[in-house]
């Protein structure tokens, strides 16, 4: 039976707790049971998808106390109260105060299961919406940043890719952001609470039947991805023996398949492929892992996004490295005239070099630079070279260039050069 949700059950009566737990587990719920409200409270997190079912009358912290604390932490967490006949008025008041539902003892098992199912569905929707909002606020961005029609379509598809549990093939040229999209899909999905296991199919150690056998045993990498995501990076480079084993796993979803007791593995497969898609992959494997397919466009297909991407990459690099944001004039807009065979990866590397003051000729080489821009580029090159000669030591570099220290610092600030970054290289 597939799992329909998670329940944190709290009841100080051992027999009642055991019976309710059995009822819920037989109905498909995963159950964590506690005899004390405070222990349950220690276990609960605001980001988990569990609902709470609790008795009201318990020693120490009561069910109502637990409800109040949970409401303070997360007002959207469904809490179902179980009450005695004399507690009905109290339970009704608690319902008005935010409890999801209440049942009186002895309760109808079907009513409890139905209430728990409704609460679990509501909780799952709440958690999914939170993930989407959080990712958007964080600028999901870096995976699907851009305003061209193709990127807008990809962003519109993302919630469906996240909510679906279909295996996913992400295709496209090298450097287009396929891995970042795969990580984003995992982190936004319900499987994010479990492991993401990455199999690098370029790994020279994965050659031959014997070398790959350990991936599929009970303690291997595939088994460790249980309830999480299995990411196949560079699948087109996988040797045929590995592709055959992956095809068999994708069909059976078991490890230790050649033993008398193979073990089931619940996993979503995300495969990262090249521009040629399934051309270099066994058909029986490709058709199983491409139930859903996405193609990441190259920068040549979305040149209008290059200025936005470059600006975002410069800001991110400067934030990560703690260096000042360089003055680049209209460079971001002129970059669209250049070919980027390495796509976003090449653009990111270029942005990092700009931030570190190492691309001193770029203002001359891209588009038409003004005289001031060319002079700045020349001055930047001389200063960077002097700093590299002195391993970032400002005093010595200023002396080598015949500049007073204060003037040298002013030039560093104006040109956006960070000596610390050069010292660390």
Protein backbone atom coordinates (compact mmCIF):
# COMPACT_ATOMS: atom_id res chain seq x y z
CA UNK A 1 0.00 0.00 0.00
CA UNK A 2 1.37 3.44 -0.92
CA UNK A 3 1.94 5.94 1.83
CA UNK A 4 -0.77 8.60 2.08
CA UNK A 5 0.90 10.84 4.66
CA UNK A 6 2.79 11.07 7.94
CA UNK A 7 1.23 11.28 11.40
CA UNK A 8 2.68 12.25 14.76
CA UNK A 9 0.44 10.47 17.27
CA UNK A 10 0.40 11.54 20.93
CA UNK A 11 -1.47 9.59 23.63
CA UNK A 12 -0.35 8.63 27.13
CA UNK A 13 -2.57 5.50 27.11
CA UNK A 14 -0.31 2.71 25.82
CA UNK A 15 -3.14 0.46 24.60
CA UNK A 16 -5.06 3.28 22.89
CA UNK A 17 -1.86 4.56 21.29
CA UNK A 18 -0.95 1.11 19.95
CA UNK A 19 -4.46 0.52 18.54
CA UNK A 20 -4.62 3.94 16.86
CA UNK A 21 -1.16 3.50 15.42
CA UNK A 22 -2.10 0.14 13.93
CA UNK A 23 -5.28 1.61 12.42
CA UNK A 24 -3.39 4.45 10.77
CA UNK A 25 -0.56 2.26 9.48
CA UNK A 26 -3.02 -0.20 7.97
CA UNK A 27 -4.61 2.79 6.23
CA UNK A 28 -1.31 3.73 4.62
CA UNK A 29 0.08 6.35 7.01
CA UNK A 30 3.63 6.48 8.36
CA UNK A 31 3.25 6.95 12.12
CA UNK A 32 5.53 8.23 14.87
CA UNK A 33 3.92 7.63 18.26
CA UNK A 34 4.73 9.35 21.55
CA UNK A 35 3.42 8.90 25.09
CA UNK A 36 4.26 12.49 26.06
CA UNK A 37 3.38 15.73 24.31
CA UNK A 38 6.73 17.33 25.11
CA UNK A 39 8.68 14.54 23.41
CA UNK A 40 6.52 14.90 20.31
CA UNK A 41 7.12 18.65 20.34
CA UNK A 42 10.88 18.10 20.35
CA UNK A 43 10.54 15.92 17.28
CA UNK A 44 8.30 18.16 15.19
CA UNK A 45 9.74 20.65 12.68
CA UNK A 46 7.85 23.36 10.88
CA UNK A 47 9.04 22.16 7.46
CA UNK A 48 7.91 18.53 7.70
CA UNK A 49 4.79 17.16 6.10
CA UNK A 50 3.40 15.37 9.19
CA UNK A 51 0.03 16.08 10.77
CA UNK A 52 -0.62 15.69 14.51
CA UNK A 53 -3.26 13.57 16.23
CA UNK A 54 -3.31 14.04 19.99
CA UNK A 55 -5.37 13.16 23.03
CA UNK A 56 -6.42 16.15 25.13
CA UNK A 57 -6.05 14.88 28.69
CA UNK A 58 -2.44 13.89 29.41
CA UNK A 59 -0.12 14.48 32.37
CA UNK A 60 2.40 17.29 32.06
CA UNK A 61 1.74 19.05 28.76
CA UNK A 62 -1.87 18.50 27.67
CA UNK A 63 -3.12 18.19 24.12
CA UNK A 64 -4.42 21.76 24.31
CA UNK A 65 -1.01 23.01 25.46
CA UNK A 66 0.55 21.13 22.57
CA UNK A 67 -1.95 22.67 20.14
CA UNK A 68 -1.17 26.18 21.41
CA UNK A 69 2.59 25.69 21.02
CA UNK A 70 2.22 24.17 17.55
CA UNK A 71 -0.02 27.05 16.49
CA UNK A 72 2.67 29.45 17.67
CA UNK A 73 5.30 27.66 15.62
CA UNK A 74 3.24 26.92 12.51
CA UNK A 75 -0.39 27.98 12.31
CA UNK A 76 -0.92 25.87 9.18
CA UNK A 77 -0.03 22.54 10.85
CA UNK A 78 -3.20 20.38 11.10
CA UNK A 79 -3.88 19.10 14.64
CA UNK A 80 -6.69 16.59 15.26
CA UNK A 81 -7.88 16.32 18.88
CA UNK A 82 -9.26 13.17 20.49
CA UNK A 83 -11.48 13.92 23.45
CA UNK A 84 -13.60 12.24 26.10
CA UNK A 85 -17.33 12.97 26.39
CA UNK A 86 -16.74 15.57 29.08
CA UNK A 87 -14.24 17.47 26.95
CA UNK A 88 -16.55 18.29 24.03
CA UNK A 89 -17.01 21.96 24.95
CA UNK A 90 -13.27 22.34 25.37
CA UNK A 91 -12.63 20.69 22.01
CA UNK A 92 -15.15 22.93 20.27
CA UNK A 93 -13.39 25.96 21.71
CA UNK A 94 -10.05 24.55 20.52
CA UNK A 95 -11.55 24.03 17.06
CA UNK A 96 -12.43 27.71 16.95
CA UNK A 97 -8.89 28.43 18.07
CA UNK A 98 -7.29 26.59 15.17
CA UNK A 99 -7.55 22.81 15.68
CA UNK A 100 -8.19 20.95 12.42
CA UNK A 101 -10.85 18.56 13.79
CA UNK A 102 -11.85 16.61 16.89
CA UNK A 103 -13.32 13.21 17.61
CA UNK A 104 -14.88 11.92 20.81
CA UNK A 105 -14.08 8.57 22.38
CA UNK A 106 -14.95 5.96 21.42
CA UNK A 107 -14.51 7.22 17.86
CA UNK A 108 -15.44 5.59 14.56
CA UNK A 109 -12.14 4.38 12.98
CA UNK A 110 -13.35 5.38 9.51
CA UNK A 111 -13.99 8.93 10.69
CA UNK A 112 -10.46 9.22 12.08
CA UNK A 113 -8.89 7.89 8.88
CA UNK A 114 -11.00 10.23 6.73
CA UNK A 115 -10.08 13.25 8.87
CA UNK A 116 -6.40 12.28 8.77
CA UNK A 117 -6.46 11.92 4.98
CA UNK A 118 -7.99 15.38 4.52
CA UNK A 119 -5.48 16.91 6.92
CA UNK A 120 -2.54 15.17 5.19
CA UNK A 121 -3.65 16.43 1.78
CA UNK A 122 -3.92 19.98 3.11
CA UNK A 123 -0.49 19.72 4.76
CA UNK A 124 1.16 18.43 1.59
CA UNK A 125 -0.29 21.34 -0.37
CA UNK A 126 0.94 23.83 2.24
CA UNK A 127 4.49 22.42 2.19
CA UNK A 128 4.59 22.38 -1.63
CA UNK A 129 3.45 26.00 -1.84
CA UNK A 130 6.04 27.05 0.73
CA UNK A 131 8.83 25.38 -1.22
CA UNK A 132 7.79 27.12 -4.41
CA UNK A 133 7.62 30.52 -2.71
CA UNK A 134 10.96 30.04 -0.94
CA UNK A 135 12.67 28.98 -4.12
CA UNK A 136 11.22 31.92 -6.02
CA UNK A 137 12.34 34.29 -3.26
CA UNK A 138 15.85 32.81 -3.42
CA UNK A 139 15.85 33.49 -7.16
CA UNK A 140 15.25 30.04 -8.43
CA UNK A 141 16.54 32.04 -10.63
CA UNK A 142 20.01 30.87 -11.22
CA UNK A 143 18.59 27.66 -12.68
CA UNK A 144 16.03 29.32 -14.96
CA UNK A 145 16.98 32.99 -15.03
CA UNK A 146 15.90 34.83 -18.16
CA UNK A 147 13.00 36.60 -19.80
CA UNK A 148 13.10 35.09 -23.27
CA UNK A 149 10.04 33.04 -24.28
CA UNK A 150 11.90 29.72 -23.98
CA UNK A 151 12.92 30.45 -20.37
CA UNK A 152 9.44 31.61 -19.45
CA UNK A 153 8.06 28.33 -20.76
CA UNK A 154 10.59 26.39 -18.71
CA UNK A 155 9.67 28.30 -15.54
CA UNK A 156 6.00 27.61 -16.20
CA UNK A 157 6.82 23.89 -16.46
CA UNK A 158 8.83 23.78 -13.24
CA UNK A 159 5.95 23.27 -10.75
CA UNK A 160 4.72 20.31 -12.80
CA UNK A 161 8.22 18.83 -12.97
CA UNK A 162 8.52 19.21 -9.20
CA UNK A 163 5.10 17.80 -8.31
CA UNK A 164 5.37 14.88 -10.73
CA UNK A 165 7.28 11.79 -9.66
CA UNK A 166 8.02 10.78 -13.25
CA UNK A 167 11.61 10.02 -14.16
CA UNK A 168 13.11 13.04 -15.90
CA UNK A 169 15.64 13.44 -18.74
CA UNK A 170 17.30 16.86 -19.01
CA UNK A 171 18.98 17.36 -22.39
CA UNK A 172 21.08 20.12 -23.90
CA UNK A 173 24.56 21.38 -24.71
CA UNK A 174 27.31 21.39 -22.12
CA UNK A 175 27.20 24.32 -19.70
CA UNK A 176 23.54 25.23 -20.17
CA UNK A 177 22.59 24.61 -16.53
CA UNK A 178 21.25 21.06 -16.72
CA UNK A 179 22.77 20.00 -13.40
CA UNK A 180 21.50 23.12 -11.64
CA UNK A 181 17.99 22.44 -12.93
CA UNK A 182 18.20 18.83 -11.70
CA UNK A 183 19.29 19.98 -8.23
CA UNK A 184 16.50 22.56 -8.17
CA UNK A 185 13.86 19.97 -9.05
CA UNK A 186 15.10 17.69 -6.26
CA UNK A 187 15.32 20.45 -3.64
CA UNK A 188 11.80 21.69 -4.40
CA UNK A 189 10.26 18.22 -4.42
CA UNK A 190 8.86 16.14 -1.59
CA UNK A 191 11.91 13.91 -1.96
CA UNK A 192 14.20 16.71 -0.77
CA UNK A 193 13.98 15.37 2.79
CA UNK A 194 15.90 12.32 1.57
CA UNK A 195 19.19 11.78 -0.20
CA UNK A 196 20.28 12.92 -3.63
CA UNK A 197 22.76 10.35 -4.91
CA UNK A 198 24.84 11.31 -7.96
CA UNK A 199 26.36 8.71 -10.26
CA UNK A 200 29.01 10.32 -12.45
CA UNK A 201 28.90 8.21 -15.58
CA UNK A 202 32.27 9.63 -16.71
CA UNK A 203 33.94 8.03 -13.68
CA UNK A 204 36.71 5.81 -14.99
CA UNK A 205 36.05 3.44 -12.11
CA UNK A 206 32.67 2.50 -13.56
CA UNK A 207 34.07 0.34 -16.33
CA UNK A 208 33.00 -3.25 -16.62
CA UNK A 209 30.38 -5.45 -15.01
CA UNK A 210 32.39 -6.06 -11.83
CA UNK A 211 33.19 -2.39 -11.31
CA UNK A 212 29.53 -1.37 -11.43
CA UNK A 213 28.10 -4.27 -9.45
CA UNK A 214 28.64 -2.51 -6.12
CA UNK A 215 26.27 0.27 -7.15
CA UNK A 216 23.35 -2.11 -7.05
CA UNK A 217 23.90 -4.11 -3.87
CA UNK A 218 21.97 -3.58 -0.63
CA UNK A 219 24.41 -0.99 0.70
CA UNK A 220 25.34 0.57 -2.61
CA UNK A 221 24.77 4.04 -3.97
CA UNK A 222 21.45 3.20 -5.62
CA UNK A 223 20.00 1.77 -2.41
CA UNK A 224 21.11 4.87 -0.47
CA UNK A 225 18.88 6.97 -2.72
CA UNK A 226 15.77 5.21 -1.35
CA UNK A 227 12.86 7.70 -1.09
CA UNK A 228 15.12 10.34 -2.64
CA UNK A 229 16.56 11.08 -6.09
CA UNK A 230 19.11 9.22 -8.21
CA UNK A 231 20.95 11.65 -10.51
CA UNK A 232 22.70 10.13 -13.51
CA UNK A 233 25.22 12.73 -14.70
CA UNK A 234 26.58 12.42 -18.24
CA UNK A 235 24.55 9.30 -18.94
CA UNK A 236 25.59 9.34 -22.60
CA UNK A 237 29.14 8.52 -21.48
CA UNK A 238 28.13 5.47 -19.42
CA UNK A 239 29.65 2.20 -20.66
CA UNK A 240 27.18 -0.28 -22.12
CA UNK A 241 27.50 -2.61 -19.12
CA UNK A 242 26.42 0.18 -16.76
CA UNK A 243 23.60 1.22 -19.09
CA UNK A 244 22.31 -2.35 -19.13
CA UNK A 245 22.31 -2.54 -15.32
CA UNK A 246 20.59 0.86 -15.07
CA UNK A 247 17.93 -0.27 -17.54
CA UNK A 248 17.27 -3.37 -15.45
CA UNK A 249 17.06 -1.29 -12.28
CA UNK A 250 14.75 1.27 -13.92
CA UNK A 251 12.43 -1.57 -14.88
CA UNK A 252 12.43 -3.47 -11.57
CA UNK A 253 13.31 -0.78 -8.99
CA UNK A 254 15.13 -3.33 -6.86
CA UNK A 255 18.71 -3.87 -5.70
CA UNK A 256 20.36 -7.22 -5.07
CA UNK A 257 18.19 -8.31 -7.98
CA UNK A 258 20.04 -11.61 -8.47
CA UNK A 259 19.38 -12.80 -4.92
CA UNK A 260 16.37 -14.66 -3.56
CA UNK A 261 15.18 -11.56 -1.72
CA UNK A 262 15.69 -8.43 -3.86
CA UNK A 263 15.05 -5.17 -2.03
CA UNK A 264 12.67 -2.55 -3.42
CA UNK A 265 14.00 0.98 -3.86
CA UNK A 266 11.63 3.96 -4.12
CA UNK A 267 13.54 6.51 -6.15
CA UNK A 268 13.07 9.15 -8.81
CA UNK A 269 15.65 9.03 -11.59
CA UNK A 270 16.86 12.28 -13.15
CA UNK A 271 19.25 11.81 -16.07
CA UNK A 272 21.49 14.53 -17.52
CA UNK A 273 22.13 14.00 -21.22
CA UNK A 274 23.91 15.79 -24.03
CA UNK A 275 22.49 17.63 -27.01
CA UNK A 276 21.94 14.35 -28.86
CA UNK A 277 19.47 13.10 -26.26
CA UNK A 278 19.10 9.34 -26.41
CA UNK A 279 21.31 8.72 -29.46
CA UNK A 280 24.14 7.22 -27.36
CA UNK A 281 21.93 5.39 -24.86
CA UNK A 282 20.39 1.93 -24.97
CA UNK A 283 16.78 2.35 -26.12
CA UNK A 284 15.46 0.20 -23.28
CA UNK A 285 17.15 2.56 -20.79
CA UNK A 286 16.31 5.84 -22.51
CA UNK A 287 12.60 5.09 -22.86
CA UNK A 288 12.35 4.22 -19.16
CA UNK A 289 14.13 7.28 -17.78
CA UNK A 290 12.59 9.86 -20.14
CA UNK A 291 8.96 9.73 -19.05
CA UNK A 292 9.36 13.52 -18.77
CA UNK A 293 11.84 15.43 -20.91
CA UNK A 294 13.24 18.96 -20.77
CA UNK A 295 15.73 20.57 -23.11
CA UNK A 296 17.91 23.40 -21.78
CA UNK A 297 18.53 25.99 -24.52
CA UNK A 298 21.99 27.28 -25.40
CA UNK A 299 22.91 30.93 -24.97
CA UNK A 300 22.89 31.24 -28.77
CA UNK A 301 19.16 30.50 -28.60
CA UNK A 302 18.49 33.19 -25.97
CA UNK A 303 20.93 36.01 -26.59
CA UNK A 304 18.53 38.53 -25.09
CA UNK A 305 19.09 36.88 -21.68
CA UNK A 306 22.88 37.29 -21.71
CA UNK A 307 22.97 40.79 -20.18
CA UNK A 308 20.67 39.74 -17.33
CA UNK A 309 22.64 36.54 -16.72
CA UNK A 310 26.00 38.33 -16.73
CA UNK A 311 24.78 40.98 -14.30
CA UNK A 312 23.38 38.34 -11.94
CA UNK A 313 26.61 36.31 -12.12
CA UNK A 314 28.77 39.36 -11.38
CA UNK A 315 26.64 40.29 -8.36
CA UNK A 316 26.72 36.70 -7.08
CA UNK A 317 30.48 36.39 -7.56
CA UNK A 318 31.19 39.67 -5.76
CA UNK A 319 28.93 38.63 -2.89
CA UNK A 320 30.57 35.20 -2.60
CA UNK A 321 34.12 36.57 -2.73
CA UNK A 322 33.49 39.73 -0.75
CA UNK A 323 34.92 41.96 -3.47
CA UNK A 324 33.58 45.29 -4.78
CA UNK A 325 31.27 45.29 -7.78
CA UNK A 326 33.35 46.36 -10.81
CA UNK A 327 32.34 49.17 -13.15
CA UNK A 328 31.65 47.46 -16.47
CA UNK A 329 29.93 50.22 -18.43
CA UNK A 330 27.60 48.72 -21.02
CA UNK A 331 29.68 45.53 -21.28
CA UNK A 332 26.73 43.38 -20.15
CA UNK A 333 24.70 44.42 -23.19
CA UNK A 334 27.60 44.10 -25.62
CA UNK A 335 28.29 40.51 -24.58
CA UNK A 336 25.30 39.35 -26.64
CA UNK A 337 27.33 39.86 -29.81
CA UNK A 338 29.84 37.23 -28.74
CA UNK A 339 29.58 33.45 -29.18
CA UNK A 340 29.50 31.42 -25.95
CA UNK A 341 30.16 27.79 -26.91
CA UNK A 342 30.51 26.95 -23.21
CA UNK A 343 27.14 28.59 -22.52
CA UNK A 344 26.31 29.69 -18.96
CA UNK A 345 29.38 27.95 -17.53
CA UNK A 346 31.67 29.98 -19.81
CA UNK A 347 29.76 33.17 -19.00
CA UNK A 348 30.10 32.45 -15.26
CA UNK A 349 33.85 31.96 -15.57
CA UNK A 350 34.10 35.19 -17.53
CA UNK A 351 32.10 37.07 -14.85
CA UNK A 352 34.44 35.74 -12.14
CA UNK A 353 37.51 36.93 -14.04
CA UNK A 354 35.94 40.35 -14.50
CA UNK A 355 35.24 40.57 -10.76
CA UNK A 356 38.84 39.65 -9.95
CA UNK A 357 40.20 42.18 -12.43
CA UNK A 358 41.79 39.44 -14.55
CA UNK A 359 39.97 40.15 -17.83
CA UNK A 360 41.76 43.41 -18.46
CA UNK A 361 41.42 43.37 -22.27
CA UNK A 362 37.75 42.51 -22.50
CA UNK A 363 36.46 46.07 -22.77
CA UNK A 364 38.61 46.44 -25.87
CA UNK A 365 37.83 43.08 -27.43
CA UNK A 366 34.04 43.10 -27.14
CA UNK A 367 32.06 45.58 -29.16
CA UNK A 368 33.27 49.18 -29.39
CA UNK A 369 34.88 50.60 -26.25
CA UNK A 370 35.15 54.32 -25.52
CA UNK A 371 38.52 55.98 -24.99
CA UNK A 372 37.94 56.15 -21.23
CA UNK A 373 37.05 52.46 -21.14
CA UNK A 374 40.23 51.58 -23.04
CA UNK A 375 42.33 53.72 -20.69
CA UNK A 376 40.69 52.07 -17.68
CA UNK A 377 41.34 48.63 -19.15
CA UNK A 378 45.00 49.47 -19.74
CA UNK A 379 45.39 50.90 -16.23
CA UNK A 380 43.63 47.91 -14.70
CA UNK A 381 45.98 45.53 -16.52
CA UNK A 382 49.08 47.31 -15.22
CA UNK A 383 47.79 47.34 -11.64
CA UNK A 384 46.69 43.69 -11.71
CA UNK A 385 50.05 42.63 -13.12
CA UNK A 386 51.88 44.58 -10.40
CA UNK A 387 49.72 43.03 -7.67
CA UNK A 388 50.26 39.55 -9.05
CA UNK A 389 54.02 40.15 -9.10
CA UNK A 390 53.89 41.12 -5.40
CA UNK A 391 51.32 38.43 -4.46
CA UNK A 392 48.74 41.08 -3.59
CA UNK A 393 51.04 43.22 -1.44
CA UNK A 394 49.71 46.76 -1.97
CA UNK A 395 52.72 48.76 -0.71
CA UNK A 396 55.22 46.99 -2.96
CA UNK A 397 52.89 47.17 -5.99
CA UNK A 398 52.38 50.93 -5.50
CA UNK A 399 56.14 51.44 -5.26
CA UNK A 400 56.75 49.40 -8.42
CA UNK A 401 54.28 51.62 -10.30
CA UNK A 402 55.67 54.81 -8.79
CA UNK A 403 52.36 55.79 -7.20
CA UNK A 404 51.71 57.20 -3.73
CA UNK A 405 49.88 54.68 -1.54
CA UNK A 406 46.75 56.82 -1.21
CA UNK A 407 46.55 57.36 -4.98
CA UNK A 408 47.02 53.64 -5.52
CA UNK A 409 44.14 52.82 -3.15
CA UNK A 410 41.93 55.32 -4.97
CA UNK A 411 42.72 53.63 -8.28
CA UNK A 412 41.93 50.21 -6.80
CA UNK A 413 38.53 51.45 -5.60
CA UNK A 414 37.68 53.15 -8.89
CA UNK A 415 38.65 50.15 -11.02
CA UNK A 416 37.04 47.59 -8.71
CA UNK A 417 40.23 45.63 -8.01
CA UNK A 418 40.42 43.60 -4.80
CA UNK A 419 44.05 42.84 -3.75
CA UNK A 420 42.81 40.14 -1.34
CA UNK A 421 41.35 38.16 -4.21
CA UNK A 422 44.68 38.30 -6.04
CA UNK A 423 46.54 37.35 -2.86
CA UNK A 424 44.40 34.22 -2.47
CA UNK A 425 45.01 32.93 -5.99
